[in-house]
Amino acid sequence: MLLADALAGPVLEVAPRLLGATLRHGDVAVRITEVEAYDGPNDPGSHAFRGPTPRNRVMFGPPGFLYVYFVYGMHHCANVVCGPEGTASAVLLRAGEIAGAEPSTARGPAKLCRALGLDREQSGADLVAGPVTLTLGEPVEPARIATGPRVGLRLAAENPWRFWIEGDPTVSRYVPAKPARDHRRSN
């Protein structure tokens, strides 16, 4: 099966399928152990909820491309575009294992990008042609896949759209979003 065909399904089916896949950039390969699904126009937590922008336009393209964004003025995060072309959805790559490295090396989306040397320059990369490539592995046994709320979101955080390999030491810890502060003063 072609990679684009495997990624063309609904995001909630594709996300757990990415567990155990290998993302490679240059000499570094990461076996994916944790992901989060983002369902575009059906998901207020998604960058594509309000439609296409120059930043998120790759999410609306065909499946099998990389979407990298910059957050908090300091971190890059990488997503695999999935679903049918024209309907934005993507899977955030949250954590992974690098053979021979400490478990924390690629624990969390920013560390994963740092370990692979990914930044916005790779956004839009074809995950077959490269320079960043994705290879699907054997599916992880469903009994080993855990699911729960997404990390750090204020909108739709309660959706159990985070998937991880149960017991894997590279998986990040769950951190709920902090509630928005009310900056108004009471007199």
N, C-alpha and C. Protein backbone atom coordinates (compact mmCIF):
# COMPACT_ATOMS: atom_id res chain seq x y z
N MET A 1 0.84 -1.19 0.00
CA MET A 1 0.00 0.00 0.00
C MET A 1 0.88 1.24 0.00
N LEU A 2 0.54 2.19 -0.83
CA LEU A 2 1.27 3.45 -0.88
C LEU A 2 1.04 4.25 0.40
N LEU A 3 2.06 5.03 0.81
CA LEU A 3 1.95 5.81 2.04
C LEU A 3 0.75 6.75 1.99
N ALA A 4 0.57 7.48 0.88
CA ALA A 4 -0.55 8.42 0.77
C ALA A 4 -1.88 7.70 0.95
N ASP A 5 -2.01 6.50 0.42
CA ASP A 5 -3.25 5.73 0.57
C ASP A 5 -3.47 5.35 2.04
N ALA A 6 -2.40 4.96 2.72
CA ALA A 6 -2.50 4.58 4.13
C ALA A 6 -2.87 5.77 5.01
N LEU A 7 -2.52 6.98 4.57
CA LEU A 7 -2.79 8.19 5.35
C LEU A 7 -4.06 8.91 4.93
N ALA A 8 -4.75 8.40 3.91
CA ALA A 8 -5.92 9.09 3.34
C ALA A 8 -7.19 8.92 4.16
N GLY A 9 -7.18 8.06 5.18
CA GLY A 9 -8.37 7.81 5.97
C GLY A 9 -8.63 8.89 6.99
N PRO A 10 -9.71 8.70 7.78
CA PRO A 10 -10.03 9.66 8.85
C PRO A 10 -8.90 9.74 9.88
N VAL A 11 -8.68 10.92 10.39
CA VAL A 11 -7.55 11.18 11.29
C VAL A 11 -7.56 10.28 12.53
N LEU A 12 -8.73 9.94 13.04
CA LEU A 12 -8.79 9.10 14.24
C LEU A 12 -8.44 7.64 13.94
N GLU A 13 -8.44 7.26 12.67
CA GLU A 13 -7.96 5.93 12.28
C GLU A 13 -6.47 5.98 11.94
N VAL A 14 -6.04 7.07 11.33
CA VAL A 14 -4.64 7.19 10.93
C VAL A 14 -3.73 7.38 12.14
N ALA A 15 -4.15 8.19 13.12
CA ALA A 15 -3.28 8.52 14.25
C ALA A 15 -2.71 7.28 14.94
N PRO A 16 -3.51 6.32 15.39
CA PRO A 16 -2.89 5.17 16.05
C PRO A 16 -2.07 4.31 15.10
N ARG A 17 -2.36 4.38 13.81
CA ARG A 17 -1.59 3.62 12.81
C ARG A 17 -0.16 4.16 12.70
N LEU A 18 0.06 5.42 13.09
CA LEU A 18 1.41 6.00 13.02
C LEU A 18 2.31 5.54 14.18
N LEU A 19 1.71 4.97 15.22
CA LEU A 19 2.53 4.45 16.32
C LEU A 19 3.39 3.31 15.79
N GLY A 20 4.68 3.38 16.06
CA GLY A 20 5.62 2.39 15.56
C GLY A 20 6.22 2.73 14.20
N ALA A 21 5.69 3.77 13.54
CA ALA A 21 6.25 4.22 12.26
C ALA A 21 7.61 4.88 12.52
N THR A 22 8.42 5.00 11.47
CA THR A 22 9.73 5.63 11.59
C THR A 22 9.78 6.89 10.76
N LEU A 23 10.12 7.99 11.40
CA LEU A 23 10.34 9.26 10.72
C LEU A 23 11.84 9.48 10.65
N ARG A 24 12.35 9.77 9.47
CA ARG A 24 13.79 9.91 9.26
C ARG A 24 14.08 11.25 8.59
N HIS A 25 15.13 11.90 9.09
CA HIS A 25 15.66 13.11 8.47
C HIS A 25 17.17 13.03 8.59
N GLY A 26 17.83 12.95 7.45
CA GLY A 26 19.29 12.78 7.46
C GLY A 26 19.66 11.46 8.09
N ASP A 27 20.60 11.51 9.05
CA ASP A 27 21.07 10.29 9.72
C ASP A 27 20.26 9.90 10.94
N VAL A 28 19.24 10.68 11.28
CA VAL A 28 18.47 10.43 12.50
C VAL A 28 17.12 9.81 12.15
N ALA A 29 16.78 8.73 12.86
CA ALA A 29 15.49 8.07 12.69
C ALA A 29 14.81 7.97 14.05
N VAL A 30 13.53 8.28 14.08
CA VAL A 30 12.74 8.23 15.31
C VAL A 30 11.58 7.26 15.09
N ARG A 31 11.45 6.29 16.00
CA ARG A 31 10.28 5.40 16.00
C ARG A 31 9.20 6.08 16.82
N ILE A 32 8.07 6.39 16.21
CA ILE A 32 7.01 7.18 16.83
C ILE A 32 6.30 6.36 17.92
N THR A 33 6.17 6.97 19.12
CA THR A 33 5.54 6.29 20.26
C THR A 33 4.33 7.03 20.81
N GLU A 34 4.12 8.28 20.36
CA GLU A 34 3.00 9.08 20.87
C GLU A 34 2.58 10.10 19.81
N VAL A 35 1.27 10.25 19.62
CA VAL A 35 0.72 11.16 18.62
C VAL A 35 -0.56 11.80 19.14
N GLU A 36 -1.00 12.88 18.47
CA GLU A 36 -2.30 13.50 18.74
C GLU A 36 -2.98 13.80 17.41
N ALA A 37 -4.28 13.53 17.35
CA ALA A 37 -5.06 13.77 16.14
C ALA A 37 -5.71 15.16 16.18
N TYR A 38 -5.72 15.83 15.02
CA TYR A 38 -6.36 17.14 14.85
C TYR A 38 -7.23 17.08 13.61
N ASP A 39 -8.54 17.29 13.80
CA ASP A 39 -9.54 17.06 12.76
C ASP A 39 -10.04 18.35 12.11
N GLY A 40 -9.15 19.23 11.73
CA GLY A 40 -9.44 20.43 10.94
C GLY A 40 -10.72 21.15 11.29
N PRO A 41 -11.67 21.26 10.34
CA PRO A 41 -12.87 22.06 10.55
C PRO A 41 -13.81 21.50 11.62
N ASN A 42 -13.61 20.27 12.05
CA ASN A 42 -14.44 19.65 13.08
C ASN A 42 -13.80 19.72 14.46
N ASP A 43 -12.73 20.49 14.59
CA ASP A 43 -11.92 20.45 15.81
C ASP A 43 -11.42 21.85 16.17
N PRO A 44 -12.03 22.50 17.18
CA PRO A 44 -11.56 23.83 17.56
C PRO A 44 -10.13 23.88 18.08
N GLY A 45 -9.52 22.73 18.36
CA GLY A 45 -8.12 22.68 18.77
C GLY A 45 -7.15 22.66 17.60
N SER A 46 -7.68 22.55 16.37
CA SER A 46 -6.84 22.44 15.18
C SER A 46 -6.50 23.80 14.60
N HIS A 47 -5.30 23.91 14.04
CA HIS A 47 -4.90 25.14 13.34
C HIS A 47 -5.78 25.40 12.13
N ALA A 48 -6.42 24.38 11.61
CA ALA A 48 -7.24 24.51 10.39
C ALA A 48 -8.72 24.71 10.70
N PHE A 49 -9.08 24.90 11.94
CA PHE A 49 -10.49 25.01 12.33
C PHE A 49 -11.19 26.16 11.60
N ARG A 50 -10.51 27.28 11.41
CA ARG A 50 -11.12 28.45 10.78
C ARG A 50 -10.82 28.54 9.28
N GLY A 51 -10.20 27.52 8.72
CA GLY A 51 -9.93 27.51 7.29
C GLY A 51 -8.46 27.69 6.97
N PRO A 52 -8.15 27.72 5.67
CA PRO A 52 -6.74 27.80 5.26
C PRO A 52 -6.12 29.17 5.51
N THR A 53 -4.85 29.14 5.86
CA THR A 53 -4.03 30.34 6.02
C THR A 53 -2.67 30.02 5.40
N PRO A 54 -1.83 31.01 5.18
CA PRO A 54 -0.48 30.69 4.68
C PRO A 54 0.25 29.71 5.60
N ARG A 55 0.03 29.82 6.90
CA ARG A 55 0.71 28.94 7.87
C ARG A 55 0.25 27.49 7.74
N ASN A 56 -1.05 27.25 7.61
CA ASN A 56 -1.58 25.88 7.68
C ASN A 56 -1.94 25.28 6.33
N ARG A 57 -1.66 25.96 5.22
CA ARG A 57 -2.15 25.52 3.92
C ARG A 57 -1.75 24.09 3.55
N VAL A 58 -0.60 23.61 4.04
CA VAL A 58 -0.17 22.24 3.75
C VAL A 58 -1.15 21.21 4.33
N MET A 59 -1.86 21.58 5.40
CA MET A 59 -2.83 20.67 6.00
C MET A 59 -3.99 20.36 5.05
N PHE A 60 -4.23 21.21 4.08
CA PHE A 60 -5.34 21.03 3.14
C PHE A 60 -4.92 20.27 1.89
N GLY A 61 -3.63 20.00 1.79
CA GLY A 61 -3.10 19.32 0.62
C GLY A 61 -3.32 17.83 0.69
N PRO A 62 -2.70 17.10 -0.19
CA PRO A 62 -2.86 15.65 -0.16
C PRO A 62 -2.20 15.06 1.08
N PRO A 63 -2.63 13.86 1.49
CA PRO A 63 -2.00 13.19 2.63
C PRO A 63 -0.56 12.79 2.29
N GLY A 64 0.25 12.65 3.34
CA GLY A 64 1.62 12.19 3.14
C GLY A 64 2.64 13.31 3.08
N PHE A 65 2.27 14.48 3.58
CA PHE A 65 3.19 15.60 3.63
C PHE A 65 3.39 16.02 5.08
N LEU A 66 4.47 16.75 5.34
CA LEU A 66 4.81 17.19 6.68
C LEU A 66 4.33 18.63 6.88
N TYR A 67 3.70 18.88 8.00
CA TYR A 67 3.30 20.24 8.40
C TYR A 67 4.08 20.58 9.66
N VAL A 68 4.96 21.57 9.58
CA VAL A 68 5.77 22.00 10.72
C VAL A 68 5.39 23.44 11.06
N TYR A 69 5.14 23.68 12.32
CA TYR A 69 4.82 25.04 12.76
C TYR A 69 5.71 25.43 13.94
N PHE A 70 5.76 26.73 14.19
CA PHE A 70 6.58 27.31 15.25
C PHE A 70 5.63 27.79 16.34
N VAL A 71 5.91 27.46 17.59
CA VAL A 71 4.99 27.79 18.68
C VAL A 71 5.75 28.41 19.85
N TYR A 72 5.08 29.27 20.57
CA TYR A 72 5.64 29.95 21.75
C TYR A 72 6.92 30.72 21.45
N GLY A 73 7.16 31.04 20.20
CA GLY A 73 8.35 31.79 19.83
C GLY A 73 9.65 31.04 20.01
N MET A 74 9.57 29.68 20.21
CA MET A 74 10.82 28.96 20.46
C MET A 74 10.83 27.49 20.03
N HIS A 75 9.69 26.89 19.75
CA HIS A 75 9.65 25.46 19.46
C HIS A 75 9.02 25.16 18.10
N HIS A 76 9.51 24.11 17.46
CA HIS A 76 8.88 23.60 16.25
C HIS A 76 8.14 22.30 16.60
N CYS A 77 7.04 22.07 15.91
CA CYS A 77 6.25 20.86 16.08
C CYS A 77 5.92 20.31 14.70
N ALA A 78 5.98 18.98 14.54
CA ALA A 78 5.78 18.34 13.24
C ALA A 78 4.51 17.50 13.25
N ASN A 79 3.81 17.56 12.12
CA ASN A 79 2.56 16.83 11.92
C ASN A 79 2.60 16.09 10.60
N VAL A 80 1.93 14.95 10.55
CA VAL A 80 1.75 14.21 9.31
C VAL A 80 0.36 14.55 8.79
N VAL A 81 0.27 15.08 7.57
CA VAL A 81 -1.02 15.43 6.97
C VAL A 81 -1.71 14.13 6.55
N CYS A 82 -3.00 14.05 6.85
CA CYS A 82 -3.75 12.85 6.50
C CYS A 82 -5.15 13.24 6.03
N GLY A 83 -5.96 12.24 5.71
CA GLY A 83 -7.32 12.48 5.23
C GLY A 83 -7.34 12.84 3.76
N PRO A 84 -8.53 13.02 3.22
CA PRO A 84 -8.63 13.34 1.79
C PRO A 84 -8.15 14.76 1.49
N GLU A 85 -7.60 14.94 0.30
CA GLU A 85 -7.13 16.27 -0.12
C GLU A 85 -8.28 17.25 -0.06
N GLY A 86 -8.00 18.46 0.44
CA GLY A 86 -9.00 19.51 0.57
C GLY A 86 -9.67 19.55 1.92
N THR A 87 -9.54 18.49 2.70
CA THR A 87 -10.10 18.45 4.06
C THR A 87 -8.92 18.37 5.02
N ALA A 88 -8.71 19.44 5.77
CA ALA A 88 -7.52 19.53 6.62
C ALA A 88 -7.62 18.62 7.83
N SER A 89 -6.64 17.76 7.97
CA SER A 89 -6.45 17.01 9.21
C SER A 89 -4.98 16.61 9.27
N ALA A 90 -4.49 16.45 10.49
CA ALA A 90 -3.08 16.11 10.66
C ALA A 90 -2.89 15.44 12.00
N VAL A 91 -1.78 14.73 12.11
CA VAL A 91 -1.42 14.04 13.34
C VAL A 91 -0.12 14.62 13.86
N LEU A 92 -0.18 15.22 15.04
CA LEU A 92 1.00 15.77 15.70
C LEU A 92 1.86 14.63 16.21
N LEU A 93 3.14 14.68 15.91
CA LEU A 93 4.09 13.67 16.39
C LEU A 93 4.61 14.15 17.75
N ARG A 94 4.18 13.50 18.82
CA ARG A 94 4.47 13.97 20.18
C ARG A 94 5.74 13.39 20.77
N ALA A 95 6.09 12.14 20.45
CA ALA A 95 7.28 11.54 21.08
C ALA A 95 7.74 10.34 20.27
N GLY A 96 9.00 9.99 20.50
CA GLY A 96 9.53 8.83 19.80
C GLY A 96 10.83 8.35 20.41
N GLU A 97 11.29 7.25 19.88
CA GLU A 97 12.50 6.60 20.35
C GLU A 97 13.58 6.69 19.28
N ILE A 98 14.78 7.07 19.71
CA ILE A 98 15.96 7.06 18.85
C ILE A 98 16.87 5.97 19.38
N ALA A 99 17.18 5.00 18.54
CA ALA A 99 18.00 3.86 18.97
C ALA A 99 19.30 4.36 19.60
N GLY A 100 19.59 3.86 20.80
CA GLY A 100 20.83 4.20 21.49
C GLY A 100 20.82 5.51 22.26
N ALA A 101 19.72 6.27 22.17
CA ALA A 101 19.64 7.57 22.86
C ALA A 101 18.83 7.43 24.14
N GLU A 102 18.99 8.39 25.03
CA GLU A 102 18.20 8.43 26.26
C GLU A 102 16.72 8.53 25.90
N PRO A 103 15.82 7.94 26.72
CA PRO A 103 14.38 8.00 26.41
C PRO A 103 13.83 9.42 26.28
N SER A 104 14.43 10.38 26.97
CA SER A 104 13.91 11.75 26.93
C SER A 104 14.37 12.55 25.72
N THR A 105 15.24 12.00 24.88
CA THR A 105 15.80 12.74 23.75
C THR A 105 14.73 13.27 22.80
N ALA A 106 13.70 12.47 22.52
CA ALA A 106 12.62 12.89 21.61
C ALA A 106 11.27 12.79 22.32
N ARG A 107 11.24 13.05 23.62
CA ARG A 107 10.01 13.03 24.42
C ARG A 107 9.40 14.42 24.42
N GLY A 108 8.31 14.57 23.69
CA GLY A 108 7.66 15.86 23.51
C GLY A 108 7.88 16.33 22.10
N PRO A 109 6.90 17.05 21.52
CA PRO A 109 6.98 17.43 20.11
C PRO A 109 8.17 18.35 19.78
N ALA A 110 8.53 19.24 20.68
CA ALA A 110 9.66 20.14 20.41
C ALA A 110 10.98 19.37 20.43
N LYS A 111 11.15 18.46 21.37
CA LYS A 111 12.38 17.66 21.44
C LYS A 111 12.48 16.73 20.24
N LEU A 112 11.34 16.18 19.80
CA LEU A 112 11.35 15.32 18.62
C LEU A 112 11.84 16.10 17.40
N CYS A 113 11.32 17.32 17.22
CA CYS A 113 11.77 18.15 16.09
C CYS A 113 13.24 18.51 16.22
N ARG A 114 13.67 18.86 17.43
CA ARG A 114 15.08 19.21 17.64
C ARG A 114 15.98 18.03 17.31
N ALA A 115 15.59 16.84 17.77
CA ALA A 115 16.41 15.64 17.53
C ALA A 115 16.54 15.34 16.04
N LEU A 116 15.48 15.60 15.27
CA LEU A 116 15.49 15.33 13.83
C LEU A 116 15.99 16.52 13.01
N GLY A 117 16.20 17.67 13.66
CA GLY A 117 16.62 18.85 12.92
C GLY A 117 15.52 19.41 12.04
N LEU A 118 14.27 19.35 12.52
CA LEU A 118 13.14 19.84 11.75
C LEU A 118 12.77 21.26 12.15
N ASP A 119 12.48 22.09 11.14
CA ASP A 119 11.95 23.42 11.37
C ASP A 119 11.00 23.75 10.22
N ARG A 120 10.56 24.99 10.13
CA ARG A 120 9.57 25.35 9.11
C ARG A 120 10.08 25.14 7.69
N GLU A 121 11.37 25.05 7.52
CA GLU A 121 11.93 24.80 6.19
C GLU A 121 11.47 23.45 5.63
N GLN A 122 11.19 22.50 6.51
CA GLN A 122 10.74 21.18 6.07
C GLN A 122 9.23 21.09 5.93
N SER A 123 8.50 22.13 6.33
CA SER A 123 7.04 22.10 6.19
C SER A 123 6.69 21.97 4.71
N GLY A 124 5.82 21.03 4.41
CA GLY A 124 5.44 20.76 3.02
C GLY A 124 6.26 19.66 2.38
N ALA A 125 7.21 19.07 3.13
CA ALA A 125 8.04 17.99 2.57
C ALA A 125 7.17 16.78 2.27
N ASP A 126 7.41 16.17 1.14
CA ASP A 126 6.76 14.93 0.74
C ASP A 126 7.41 13.81 1.53
N LEU A 127 6.64 13.09 2.33
CA LEU A 127 7.20 12.09 3.23
C LEU A 127 7.63 10.80 2.54
N VAL A 128 7.46 10.74 1.22
CA VAL A 128 8.00 9.64 0.43
C VAL A 128 9.29 10.09 -0.25
N ALA A 129 9.24 11.25 -0.91
CA ALA A 129 10.37 11.75 -1.69
C ALA A 129 11.48 12.34 -0.81
N GLY A 130 11.12 12.82 0.38
CA GLY A 130 12.11 13.38 1.28
C GLY A 130 12.25 14.89 1.14
N PRO A 131 13.13 15.50 1.89
CA PRO A 131 14.24 14.93 2.65
C PRO A 131 13.82 14.26 3.97
N VAL A 132 12.59 14.51 4.41
CA VAL A 132 12.07 13.83 5.60
C VAL A 132 11.20 12.69 5.08
N THR A 133 11.40 11.48 5.60
CA THR A 133 10.62 10.34 5.12
C THR A 133 9.92 9.64 6.28
N LEU A 134 8.80 9.02 5.95
CA LEU A 134 8.02 8.27 6.93
C LEU A 134 7.84 6.86 6.39
N THR A 135 8.12 5.88 7.24
CA THR A 135 7.92 4.48 6.90
C THR A 135 7.00 3.87 7.95
N LEU A 136 5.88 3.34 7.50
CA LEU A 136 4.97 2.70 8.44
C LEU A 136 5.55 1.35 8.85
N GLY A 137 5.45 1.04 10.13
CA GLY A 137 5.90 -0.25 10.63
C GLY A 137 4.72 -1.20 10.73
N GLU A 138 4.97 -2.33 11.36
CA GLU A 138 3.87 -3.25 11.65
C GLU A 138 2.95 -2.56 12.64
N PRO A 139 1.64 -2.67 12.46
CA PRO A 139 0.73 -2.02 13.41
C PRO A 139 0.98 -2.49 14.84
N VAL A 140 0.88 -1.55 15.77
CA VAL A 140 1.01 -1.88 17.19
C VAL A 140 -0.26 -2.61 17.61
N GLU A 141 -0.10 -3.63 18.41
CA GLU A 141 -1.26 -4.38 18.89
C GLU A 141 -2.22 -3.43 19.59
N PRO A 142 -3.52 -3.49 19.27
CA PRO A 142 -4.49 -2.58 19.90
C PRO A 142 -4.46 -2.60 21.42
N ALA A 143 -4.16 -3.73 22.03
CA ALA A 143 -4.10 -3.81 23.49
C ALA A 143 -2.97 -2.97 24.08
N ARG A 144 -1.97 -2.63 23.26
CA ARG A 144 -0.84 -1.82 23.73
C ARG A 144 -1.04 -0.33 23.47
N ILE A 145 -2.14 0.05 22.80
CA ILE A 145 -2.39 1.45 22.48
C ILE A 145 -3.30 2.06 23.54
N ALA A 146 -2.81 3.13 24.17
CA ALA A 146 -3.60 3.87 25.15
C ALA A 146 -4.09 5.16 24.49
N THR A 147 -5.15 5.71 25.02
CA THR A 147 -5.70 6.96 24.50
C THR A 147 -6.16 7.84 25.65
N GLY A 148 -6.10 9.14 25.43
CA GLY A 148 -6.52 10.08 26.46
C GLY A 148 -6.61 11.48 25.89
N PRO A 149 -6.83 12.47 26.76
CA PRO A 149 -6.97 13.85 26.30
C PRO A 149 -5.67 14.39 25.72
N ARG A 150 -5.82 15.37 24.83
CA ARG A 150 -4.65 15.99 24.23
C ARG A 150 -3.96 16.91 25.24
N VAL A 151 -2.72 17.21 24.97
CA VAL A 151 -1.88 17.95 25.91
C VAL A 151 -1.90 19.44 25.62
N GLY A 152 -2.09 20.24 26.68
CA GLY A 152 -1.90 21.68 26.60
C GLY A 152 -2.93 22.47 25.82
N LEU A 153 -4.05 21.88 25.45
CA LEU A 153 -5.07 22.61 24.69
C LEU A 153 -6.10 23.24 25.61
N ARG A 154 -6.62 24.38 25.19
CA ARG A 154 -7.73 25.00 25.92
C ARG A 154 -9.06 24.63 25.27
N LEU A 155 -9.07 24.41 23.96
CA LEU A 155 -10.30 24.08 23.24
C LEU A 155 -10.28 22.62 22.83
N ALA A 156 -11.34 21.91 23.15
CA ALA A 156 -11.52 20.50 22.78
C ALA A 156 -10.42 19.60 23.35
N ALA A 157 -9.84 20.00 24.47
CA ALA A 157 -8.79 19.19 25.10
C ALA A 157 -9.34 17.86 25.61
N GLU A 158 -10.61 17.84 25.94
CA GLU A 158 -11.21 16.63 26.51
C GLU A 158 -11.35 15.49 25.51
N ASN A 159 -11.23 15.79 24.22
CA ASN A 159 -11.31 14.72 23.22
C ASN A 159 -10.17 13.73 23.44
N PRO A 160 -10.46 12.44 23.53
CA PRO A 160 -9.40 11.45 23.78
C PRO A 160 -8.65 11.11 22.49
N TRP A 161 -8.02 12.12 21.90
CA TRP A 161 -7.39 12.00 20.60
C TRP A 161 -5.87 11.95 20.69
N ARG A 162 -5.35 11.68 21.87
CA ARG A 162 -3.92 11.44 22.05
C ARG A 162 -3.76 9.92 22.16
N PHE A 163 -2.82 9.37 21.40
CA PHE A 163 -2.59 7.93 21.37
C PHE A 163 -1.11 7.68 21.68
N TRP A 164 -0.85 6.63 22.47
CA TRP A 164 0.53 6.31 22.78
C TRP A 164 0.68 4.81 23.02
N ILE A 165 1.93 4.36 22.96
CA ILE A 165 2.23 2.96 23.24
C ILE A 165 2.37 2.83 24.75
N GLU A 166 1.43 2.09 25.33
CA GLU A 166 1.38 1.93 26.79
C GLU A 166 2.70 1.40 27.32
N GLY A 167 3.22 2.07 28.36
CA GLY A 167 4.43 1.63 29.03
C GLY A 167 5.73 2.01 28.35
N ASP A 168 5.68 2.67 27.21
CA ASP A 168 6.92 3.05 26.52
C ASP A 168 7.57 4.20 27.28
N PRO A 169 8.86 4.10 27.60
CA PRO A 169 9.53 5.14 28.40
C PRO A 169 9.72 6.48 27.67
N THR A 170 9.51 6.50 26.36
CA THR A 170 9.71 7.76 25.63
C THR A 170 8.47 8.64 25.60
N VAL A 171 7.32 8.12 26.03
CA VAL A 171 6.06 8.86 26.00
C VAL A 171 6.10 10.01 27.00
N SER A 172 5.60 11.17 26.58
CA SER A 172 5.60 12.35 27.45
C SER A 172 4.51 12.23 28.52
N ARG A 173 4.66 12.99 29.57
CA ARG A 173 3.65 12.97 30.62
C ARG A 173 2.51 13.92 30.24
N TYR A 174 1.33 13.61 30.70
CA TYR A 174 0.16 14.44 30.39
C TYR A 174 0.19 15.72 31.21
N VAL A 175 0.03 16.85 30.53
CA VAL A 175 -0.04 18.15 31.17
C VAL A 175 -1.26 18.88 30.62
N PRO A 176 -2.30 19.07 31.43
CA PRO A 176 -3.46 19.81 30.92
C PRO A 176 -3.11 21.28 30.72
N ALA A 177 -3.89 21.93 29.88
CA ALA A 177 -3.69 23.37 29.64
C ALA A 177 -4.03 24.14 30.89
N LYS A 178 -3.34 25.24 31.07
CA LYS A 178 -3.68 26.14 32.16
C LYS A 178 -4.88 26.97 31.73
N PRO A 179 -5.82 27.21 32.62
CA PRO A 179 -6.97 28.03 32.23
C PRO A 179 -6.51 29.44 31.87
N ALA A 180 -7.23 30.05 30.94
CA ALA A 180 -6.91 31.42 30.54
C ALA A 180 -7.07 32.34 31.75
N ARG A 181 -6.14 33.24 31.91
CA ARG A 181 -6.22 34.20 33.03
C ARG A 181 -7.15 35.33 32.67
N ASP A 182 -7.92 35.76 33.62
CA ASP A 182 -8.80 36.92 33.43
C ASP A 182 -8.00 38.14 33.85
N HIS A 183 -7.67 38.97 32.87
CA HIS A 183 -6.82 40.14 33.14
C HIS A 183 -7.61 41.37 33.61
N ARG A 184 -8.93 41.22 33.70
CA ARG A 184 -9.75 42.35 34.17
C ARG A 184 -9.62 42.46 35.69
N ARG A 185 -9.61 43.66 36.16
CA ARG A 185 -9.53 43.89 37.61
C ARG A 185 -10.94 44.12 38.15
N SER A 186 -11.16 43.63 39.33
CA SER A 186 -12.45 43.95 39.98
C SER A 186 -12.21 45.11 40.93
N ASN A 187 -13.14 46.05 40.95
CA ASN A 187 -12.99 47.25 41.81
C ASN A 187 -13.80 47.12 43.04
